Amino acid sequence: MTRYEGEMPPTGHSGDIYVSRGHCRCKALSATLVLATPPGAISPRACQCAFCLEHSVVTLTDPQGHLTIEAIEPSLVTYRFWGSDAATLHCARCGTYVAVLMRKGRGLAGDLNIRGVGLTEFDDVTAIPVDDEREAPVDKLKRRLTQYMPIELVNITPPQLTLPHAGTA
């Protein structure tokens, strides 16, 4: 993670900005994570549900930050658990679980699988073990709406991404 010294990304924040870049295994999807919160002050989450354990998921979000996911080529799939207000984004070529996305207002919000996109600068940070399956749906939605960061998708067209609006299943 390096301190961002160029033109500030369009997030509307001021102060110290940190940027980290990663990609899926085959590099068809890339991610640029912009943090407004110092990296050491954010605790990644390690969901203990079977799906997340199978995909070695460790996620990170900063509600004051910003995430850009870019498709180098049209190679993505989404997976939505039954009744969920969010979907996981995966590379269709290599299968890497990249992020969780949901609609929030007129835009998108979510978190990044920092392990999936190879952000090794977080390897020394202890992830908080959680089990999202045990979280009440209303509590999960409230957490997501308050803690998820804005996401911008580049070279990903609407037909490739079908997501419910927050609060609708």
Protein backbone atom coordinates (compact mmCIF):
# COMPACT_ATOMS: atom_id res chain seq x y z
CA MET A 1 0.00 0.00 0.00
CA THR A 2 1.48 3.31 -0.99
CA ARG A 3 0.39 6.78 -0.12
CA TYR A 4 -1.49 8.18 -3.09
CA GLU A 5 0.34 11.20 -4.43
CA GLY A 6 -1.29 11.77 -7.83
CA GLU A 7 -4.58 13.40 -8.64
CA MET A 8 -7.09 12.19 -6.07
CA PRO A 9 -9.61 9.67 -7.44
CA PRO A 10 -13.19 10.96 -7.70
CA THR A 11 -14.38 9.98 -4.23
CA GLY A 12 -14.99 13.39 -2.68
CA HIS A 13 -12.58 12.76 0.19
CA SER A 14 -9.67 14.77 1.48
CA GLY A 15 -6.76 13.88 3.71
CA ASP A 16 -4.45 10.89 3.41
CA ILE A 17 -5.42 8.54 0.60
CA TYR A 18 -3.86 5.09 0.16
CA VAL A 19 -4.12 3.11 -3.07
CA SER A 20 -3.53 -0.59 -3.67
CA ARG A 21 -3.93 -2.52 -6.92
CA GLY A 22 -4.53 -6.19 -7.55
CA HIS A 23 -6.09 -8.59 -10.01
CA CYS A 24 -7.53 -12.06 -10.36
CA ARG A 25 -5.16 -14.94 -11.14
CA CYS A 26 -5.49 -14.62 -14.92
CA LYS A 27 -5.50 -10.77 -14.82
CA ALA A 28 -8.81 -10.47 -16.70
CA LEU A 29 -10.25 -8.46 -13.78
CA SER A 30 -8.29 -5.79 -11.92
CA ALA A 31 -9.12 -3.92 -8.74
CA THR A 32 -7.96 -0.53 -7.49
CA LEU A 33 -8.66 0.01 -3.80
CA VAL A 34 -8.56 3.58 -2.49
CA LEU A 35 -8.61 3.90 1.30
CA ALA A 36 -9.34 7.08 3.21
CA THR A 37 -8.83 5.26 6.51
CA PRO A 38 -5.24 4.31 7.38
CA PRO A 39 -4.71 0.68 6.36
CA GLY A 40 -3.75 -0.39 9.88
CA ALA A 41 -7.02 0.98 11.27
CA ILE A 42 -9.21 -1.28 9.13
CA SER A 43 -9.92 -4.87 10.12
CA PRO A 44 -10.52 -7.30 7.26
CA ARG A 45 -13.33 -9.86 7.68
CA ALA A 46 -12.87 -13.59 7.21
CA CYS A 47 -16.30 -15.14 6.80
CA GLN A 48 -16.46 -18.69 8.10
CA CYS A 49 -19.38 -19.90 5.96
CA ALA A 50 -18.68 -22.87 3.68
CA PHE A 51 -18.75 -20.75 0.49
CA CYS A 52 -16.22 -18.19 1.77
CA LEU A 53 -13.94 -20.83 3.28
CA GLU A 54 -13.94 -22.71 -0.04
CA HIS A 55 -12.89 -19.51 -1.83
CA SER A 56 -10.37 -18.41 0.87
CA VAL A 57 -12.20 -15.10 1.24
CA VAL A 58 -10.84 -12.20 3.30
CA THR A 59 -12.73 -8.99 2.57
CA LEU A 60 -12.00 -5.35 3.24
CA THR A 61 -14.14 -2.26 2.96
CA ASP A 62 -13.78 1.41 3.84
CA PRO A 63 -17.03 3.41 3.66
CA GLN A 64 -14.95 6.54 3.05
CA GLY A 65 -12.90 4.78 0.38
CA HIS A 66 -13.57 3.69 -3.17
CA LEU A 67 -13.12 0.54 -5.24
CA THR A 68 -12.76 0.35 -9.02
CA ILE A 69 -13.10 -3.03 -10.73
CA GLU A 70 -12.09 -3.16 -14.37
CA ALA A 71 -12.64 -5.96 -16.85
CA ILE A 72 -9.67 -6.24 -19.18
CA GLU A 73 -11.86 -8.49 -21.27
CA PRO A 74 -15.49 -9.53 -20.84
CA SER A 75 -14.84 -12.27 -18.33
CA LEU A 76 -17.02 -12.15 -15.26
CA VAL A 77 -19.89 -13.91 -13.60
CA THR A 78 -21.99 -13.01 -10.60
CA TYR A 79 -23.41 -15.38 -8.04
CA ARG A 80 -26.31 -14.43 -5.81
CA PHE A 81 -27.31 -16.51 -2.83
CA TRP A 82 -31.05 -17.11 -2.72
CA GLY A 83 -32.78 -14.10 -1.17
CA SER A 84 -29.57 -12.08 -0.81
CA ASP A 85 -29.40 -8.34 -1.41
CA ALA A 86 -25.87 -8.68 -2.80
CA ALA A 87 -23.95 -10.81 -5.30
CA THR A 88 -20.39 -12.03 -5.51
CA LEU A 89 -18.32 -11.11 -8.57
CA HIS A 90 -16.03 -13.80 -10.01
CA CYS A 91 -13.71 -14.03 -12.97
CA ALA A 92 -15.27 -16.39 -15.52
CA ARG A 93 -11.82 -17.52 -16.72
CA CYS A 94 -9.97 -18.36 -13.50
CA GLY A 95 -12.84 -18.44 -10.97
CA THR A 96 -11.36 -15.88 -8.58
CA TYR A 97 -13.89 -14.39 -6.17
CA VAL A 98 -13.14 -10.66 -6.52
CA ALA A 99 -15.82 -8.72 -4.62
CA VAL A 100 -19.31 -8.49 -3.21
CA LEU A 101 -21.60 -5.97 -4.91
CA MET A 102 -24.99 -4.49 -4.17
CA ARG A 103 -27.00 -1.59 -5.43
CA LYS A 104 -27.00 1.40 -3.08
CA GLY A 105 -29.00 4.41 -4.16
CA ARG A 106 -28.09 5.10 -7.78
CA GLY A 107 -24.73 3.39 -7.57
CA LEU A 108 -23.01 0.25 -6.40
CA ALA A 109 -21.33 -0.57 -3.11
CA GLY A 110 -19.49 -3.57 -1.73
CA ASP A 111 -16.25 -4.95 -0.42
CA LEU A 112 -13.12 -6.43 -1.95
CA ASN A 113 -11.70 -9.92 -1.47
CA ILE A 114 -8.15 -8.75 -0.73
CA ARG A 115 -6.82 -12.31 -0.72
CA GLY A 116 -8.48 -13.10 -4.06
CA VAL A 117 -6.87 -10.13 -5.84
CA GLY A 118 -3.49 -10.64 -4.20
CA LEU A 119 -3.17 -7.58 -1.96
CA THR A 120 -0.26 -8.99 0.04
CA GLU A 121 0.24 -5.77 2.01
CA PHE A 122 -2.61 -6.99 4.23
CA ASP A 123 -1.07 -10.40 4.92
CA ASP A 124 0.12 -9.30 8.39
CA VAL A 125 -3.27 -7.86 9.38
CA THR A 126 -5.41 -10.24 11.41
CA ALA A 127 -8.82 -10.77 9.86
CA ILE A 128 -11.84 -10.90 12.15
CA PRO A 129 -13.56 -14.30 11.83
CA VAL A 130 -17.29 -13.85 11.18
CA ASP A 131 -20.11 -16.02 9.84
CA ASP A 132 -22.41 -14.02 7.61
CA GLU A 133 -24.83 -16.98 7.43
CA ARG A 134 -25.60 -16.54 11.14
CA GLU A 135 -26.27 -12.81 10.78
CA ALA A 136 -29.96 -11.82 10.71
CA PRO A 137 -30.92 -10.54 7.21
CA VAL A 138 -31.96 -7.12 8.54
CA ASP A 139 -28.66 -6.77 10.43
CA LYS A 140 -26.67 -7.88 7.36
CA LEU A 141 -28.41 -5.30 5.17
CA LYS A 142 -27.85 -2.55 7.75
CA ARG A 143 -24.14 -3.46 8.01
CA ARG A 144 -23.75 -3.50 4.27
CA LEU A 145 -25.52 -0.16 3.77
CA THR A 146 -23.35 1.56 6.38
CA GLN A 147 -19.99 -0.18 5.86
CA TYR A 148 -19.70 -0.99 2.16
CA MET A 149 -17.65 1.34 -0.03
CA PRO A 150 -18.69 2.83 -3.36
CA ILE A 151 -17.72 0.71 -6.35
CA GLU A 152 -17.14 1.79 -9.92
CA LEU A 153 -17.22 -0.83 -12.68
CA VAL A 154 -15.16 -0.19 -15.82
CA ASN A 155 -15.76 -2.14 -19.05
CA ILE A 156 -18.55 -4.06 -17.34
CA THR A 157 -21.89 -3.43 -18.99
CA PRO A 158 -25.27 -3.63 -17.25
CA PRO A 159 -26.35 -6.89 -18.95
CA GLN A 160 -23.34 -8.57 -17.38
CA LEU A 161 -24.40 -7.53 -13.90
CA THR A 162 -27.84 -8.31 -12.52
CA LEU A 163 -28.26 -7.17 -8.92
CA PRO A 164 -31.31 -6.49 -6.78
CA HIS A 165 -31.84 -3.09 -5.21
CA ALA A 166 -30.99 -2.99 -1.49
CA GLY A 167 -33.92 -4.23 0.54
CA THR A 168 -35.45 -6.34 -2.24
CA ALA A 169 -34.87 -10.04 -2.59
